Amino acid sequence: MTGHQGGIFALGTAAHAYLEFDVSAGRAGRELVAAVSSLREPRTTMGGVNLVAGFRPELWRETVPDDAPRPKGSTRT
């Protein structure tokens, strides 16, 4: 992925929650990425949840360096 992607929310949904997590001391950032990435929405046709997860570029670079946005001024090819 070479650019950013905005959040995706259902049209007409009035309720949104924004949660921000910090990596705990002594834990690797990739553990947080793995935990958040394993979340799934409920399997139901009666309502549901839209789940969008985003990660700071620095954390994504640490976790998946070949699929992370380049820092400004980077000459990586």
N, C-alpha and C. Protein backbone atom coordinates (compact mmCIF):
# COMPACT_ATOMS: atom_id res chain seq x y z
N MET A 1 0.85 -1.17 0.00
CA MET A 1 0.00 0.00 0.00
C MET A 1 0.89 1.23 0.00
N THR A 2 0.69 2.11 -0.94
CA THR A 2 1.56 3.28 -1.04
C THR A 2 0.91 4.56 -0.52
N GLY A 3 -0.36 4.52 -0.20
CA GLY A 3 -1.03 5.73 0.29
C GLY A 3 -1.94 5.39 1.45
N HIS A 4 -2.63 6.40 1.94
CA HIS A 4 -3.53 6.18 3.07
C HIS A 4 -4.93 5.84 2.58
N GLN A 5 -5.73 5.28 3.47
CA GLN A 5 -7.11 4.97 3.16
C GLN A 5 -7.97 5.55 4.28
N GLY A 6 -8.96 6.31 3.91
CA GLY A 6 -9.85 6.88 4.91
C GLY A 6 -10.73 5.82 5.53
N GLY A 7 -11.35 6.14 6.66
CA GLY A 7 -12.27 5.22 7.32
C GLY A 7 -13.49 4.96 6.47
N ILE A 8 -14.12 3.83 6.66
CA ILE A 8 -15.29 3.44 5.89
C ILE A 8 -16.42 3.21 6.88
N PHE A 9 -17.49 3.98 6.75
CA PHE A 9 -18.62 3.85 7.65
C PHE A 9 -19.90 3.69 6.85
N ALA A 10 -20.88 2.99 7.42
CA ALA A 10 -22.15 2.76 6.74
C ALA A 10 -22.91 4.08 6.61
N LEU A 11 -23.54 4.28 5.49
CA LEU A 11 -24.37 5.46 5.30
C LEU A 11 -25.56 5.41 6.23
N GLY A 12 -25.89 6.53 6.82
CA GLY A 12 -27.05 6.60 7.70
C GLY A 12 -26.79 6.13 9.12
N THR A 13 -25.58 5.75 9.43
CA THR A 13 -25.26 5.31 10.79
C THR A 13 -24.91 6.53 11.63
N ALA A 14 -25.67 6.75 12.68
CA ALA A 14 -25.45 7.92 13.52
C ALA A 14 -24.45 7.67 14.63
N ALA A 15 -24.20 6.42 14.97
CA ALA A 15 -23.32 6.10 16.10
C ALA A 15 -21.96 5.62 15.60
N HIS A 16 -20.92 6.28 16.07
CA HIS A 16 -19.55 5.88 15.75
C HIS A 16 -18.74 5.91 17.04
N ALA A 17 -17.77 5.06 17.14
CA ALA A 17 -16.87 5.08 18.30
C ALA A 17 -15.45 5.07 17.77
N TYR A 18 -14.62 5.92 18.33
CA TYR A 18 -13.23 5.99 17.95
C TYR A 18 -12.41 5.59 19.17
N LEU A 19 -11.67 4.53 19.06
CA LEU A 19 -10.84 4.04 20.16
C LEU A 19 -9.38 4.16 19.77
N GLU A 20 -8.56 4.58 20.69
CA GLU A 20 -7.12 4.68 20.44
C GLU A 20 -6.40 3.84 21.49
N PHE A 21 -5.52 2.96 21.02
CA PHE A 21 -4.80 2.07 21.91
C PHE A 21 -3.31 2.39 21.89
N ASP A 22 -2.65 2.17 23.01
CA ASP A 22 -1.21 2.30 23.12
C ASP A 22 -0.61 0.91 23.30
N VAL A 23 0.57 0.71 22.78
CA VAL A 23 1.28 -0.55 23.00
C VAL A 23 1.76 -0.56 24.44
N SER A 24 1.46 -1.63 25.17
CA SER A 24 1.87 -1.75 26.57
C SER A 24 3.39 -1.87 26.66
N ALA A 25 3.93 -1.36 27.76
CA ALA A 25 5.37 -1.47 28.01
C ALA A 25 5.78 -2.95 27.99
N GLY A 26 6.85 -3.23 27.34
CA GLY A 26 7.36 -4.59 27.26
C GLY A 26 6.71 -5.47 26.22
N ARG A 27 5.76 -4.92 25.46
CA ARG A 27 5.08 -5.69 24.41
C ARG A 27 5.50 -5.15 23.05
N ALA A 28 5.46 -5.99 22.04
CA ALA A 28 5.80 -5.58 20.68
C ALA A 28 4.57 -5.01 19.99
N GLY A 29 4.81 -3.98 19.17
CA GLY A 29 3.71 -3.37 18.43
C GLY A 29 3.00 -4.36 17.54
N ARG A 30 3.72 -5.33 17.02
CA ARG A 30 3.08 -6.31 16.13
C ARG A 30 2.05 -7.17 16.89
N GLU A 31 2.19 -7.29 18.23
CA GLU A 31 1.18 -8.00 19.02
C GLU A 31 -0.14 -7.23 19.02
N LEU A 32 -0.07 -5.92 19.12
CA LEU A 32 -1.27 -5.08 19.07
C LEU A 32 -1.91 -5.18 17.68
N VAL A 33 -1.09 -5.09 16.64
CA VAL A 33 -1.61 -5.20 15.27
C VAL A 33 -2.29 -6.55 15.08
N ALA A 34 -1.68 -7.63 15.56
CA ALA A 34 -2.27 -8.97 15.42
C ALA A 34 -3.59 -9.07 16.17
N ALA A 35 -3.65 -8.52 17.39
CA ALA A 35 -4.87 -8.59 18.19
C ALA A 35 -6.01 -7.81 17.53
N VAL A 36 -5.73 -6.59 17.08
CA VAL A 36 -6.77 -5.77 16.44
C VAL A 36 -7.18 -6.40 15.11
N SER A 37 -6.22 -6.93 14.38
CA SER A 37 -6.51 -7.52 13.07
C SER A 37 -7.35 -8.79 13.19
N SER A 38 -7.35 -9.43 14.35
CA SER A 38 -8.12 -10.66 14.52
C SER A 38 -9.59 -10.38 14.88
N LEU A 39 -9.94 -9.12 15.15
CA LEU A 39 -11.33 -8.79 15.47
C LEU A 39 -12.22 -9.02 14.25
N ARG A 40 -13.41 -9.52 14.49
CA ARG A 40 -14.37 -9.75 13.40
C ARG A 40 -15.73 -9.23 13.83
N GLU A 41 -16.52 -8.78 12.87
CA GLU A 41 -17.87 -8.31 13.16
C GLU A 41 -18.76 -9.53 13.41
N PRO A 42 -19.86 -9.33 14.14
CA PRO A 42 -20.79 -10.44 14.38
C PRO A 42 -21.38 -10.95 13.07
N ARG A 43 -21.60 -12.23 12.98
CA ARG A 43 -22.21 -12.84 11.79
C ARG A 43 -23.72 -12.85 11.96
N THR A 44 -24.37 -11.76 11.58
CA THR A 44 -25.82 -11.65 11.72
C THR A 44 -26.36 -10.75 10.63
N THR A 45 -27.59 -11.00 10.24
CA THR A 45 -28.24 -10.11 9.28
C THR A 45 -29.12 -9.10 9.99
N MET A 46 -29.23 -9.19 11.30
CA MET A 46 -30.05 -8.29 12.11
C MET A 46 -29.16 -7.23 12.74
N GLY A 47 -28.87 -6.18 12.01
CA GLY A 47 -27.95 -5.16 12.53
C GLY A 47 -26.52 -5.61 12.29
N GLY A 48 -25.62 -5.03 12.99
CA GLY A 48 -24.24 -5.44 12.81
C GLY A 48 -23.29 -4.32 13.16
N VAL A 49 -22.05 -4.54 12.83
CA VAL A 49 -20.98 -3.62 13.18
C VAL A 49 -20.10 -3.42 11.95
N ASN A 50 -19.78 -2.18 11.66
CA ASN A 50 -18.74 -1.89 10.67
C ASN A 50 -17.47 -1.63 11.46
N LEU A 51 -16.44 -2.36 11.15
CA LEU A 51 -15.19 -2.26 11.89
C LEU A 51 -14.10 -1.76 10.96
N VAL A 52 -13.51 -0.64 11.32
CA VAL A 52 -12.40 -0.07 10.57
C VAL A 52 -11.24 0.10 11.53
N ALA A 53 -10.08 -0.43 11.20
CA ALA A 53 -8.90 -0.31 12.06
C ALA A 53 -7.81 0.41 11.29
N GLY A 54 -7.17 1.33 11.95
CA GLY A 54 -6.05 2.05 11.34
C GLY A 54 -4.86 2.02 12.29
N PHE A 55 -3.68 2.08 11.73
CA PHE A 55 -2.46 2.03 12.52
C PHE A 55 -1.54 3.16 12.12
N ARG A 56 -0.81 3.69 13.07
CA ARG A 56 0.18 4.73 12.77
C ARG A 56 1.18 4.19 11.77
N PRO A 57 1.65 5.03 10.84
CA PRO A 57 2.62 4.55 9.85
C PRO A 57 3.87 3.92 10.48
N GLU A 58 4.31 4.49 11.61
CA GLU A 58 5.51 3.95 12.27
C GLU A 58 5.27 2.52 12.75
N LEU A 59 4.09 2.24 13.30
CA LEU A 59 3.77 0.90 13.79
C LEU A 59 3.61 -0.06 12.62
N TRP A 60 2.96 0.41 11.56
CA TRP A 60 2.77 -0.45 10.39
C TRP A 60 4.12 -0.76 9.73
N ARG A 61 5.01 0.23 9.68
CA ARG A 61 6.35 0.03 9.12
C ARG A 61 7.12 -1.01 9.92
N GLU A 62 6.95 -0.98 11.25
CA GLU A 62 7.62 -1.95 12.12
C GLU A 62 7.06 -3.35 11.90
N THR A 63 5.75 -3.43 11.67
CA THR A 63 5.07 -4.72 11.57
C THR A 63 5.17 -5.33 10.17
N VAL A 64 4.92 -4.52 9.14
CA VAL A 64 4.93 -4.99 7.75
C VAL A 64 5.72 -4.00 6.91
N PRO A 65 7.05 -4.00 7.02
CA PRO A 65 7.84 -2.96 6.37
C PRO A 65 7.69 -2.89 4.85
N ASP A 66 7.42 -4.01 4.19
CA ASP A 66 7.29 -3.98 2.73
C ASP A 66 5.93 -3.48 2.25
N ASP A 67 4.99 -3.25 3.17
CA ASP A 67 3.65 -2.80 2.80
C ASP A 67 3.27 -1.53 3.57
N ALA A 68 4.26 -0.74 3.91
CA ALA A 68 4.02 0.46 4.72
C ALA A 68 4.28 1.72 3.91
N PRO A 69 3.58 2.80 4.24
CA PRO A 69 3.85 4.08 3.56
C PRO A 69 5.28 4.52 3.82
N ARG A 70 5.88 5.12 2.84
CA ARG A 70 7.25 5.63 3.00
C ARG A 70 7.23 6.93 3.78
N PRO A 71 8.23 7.12 4.64
CA PRO A 71 8.32 8.41 5.35
C PRO A 71 8.60 9.52 4.36
N LYS A 72 8.18 10.74 4.69
CA LYS A 72 8.47 11.88 3.83
C LYS A 72 9.97 12.00 3.64
N GLY A 73 10.38 12.26 2.42
CA GLY A 73 11.80 12.42 2.11
C GLY A 73 12.53 11.10 1.90
N SER A 74 11.84 9.97 2.01
CA SER A 74 12.48 8.67 1.83
C SER A 74 12.81 8.43 0.38
N THR A 75 13.92 7.80 0.13
CA THR A 75 14.32 7.47 -1.24
C THR A 75 14.20 5.98 -1.50
N ARG A 76 13.53 5.25 -0.60
CA ARG A 76 13.35 3.81 -0.78
C ARG A 76 12.62 3.55 -2.09
N THR A 77 13.07 2.57 -2.85
CA THR A 77 12.40 2.21 -4.12
C THR A 77 11.72 0.90 -4.03
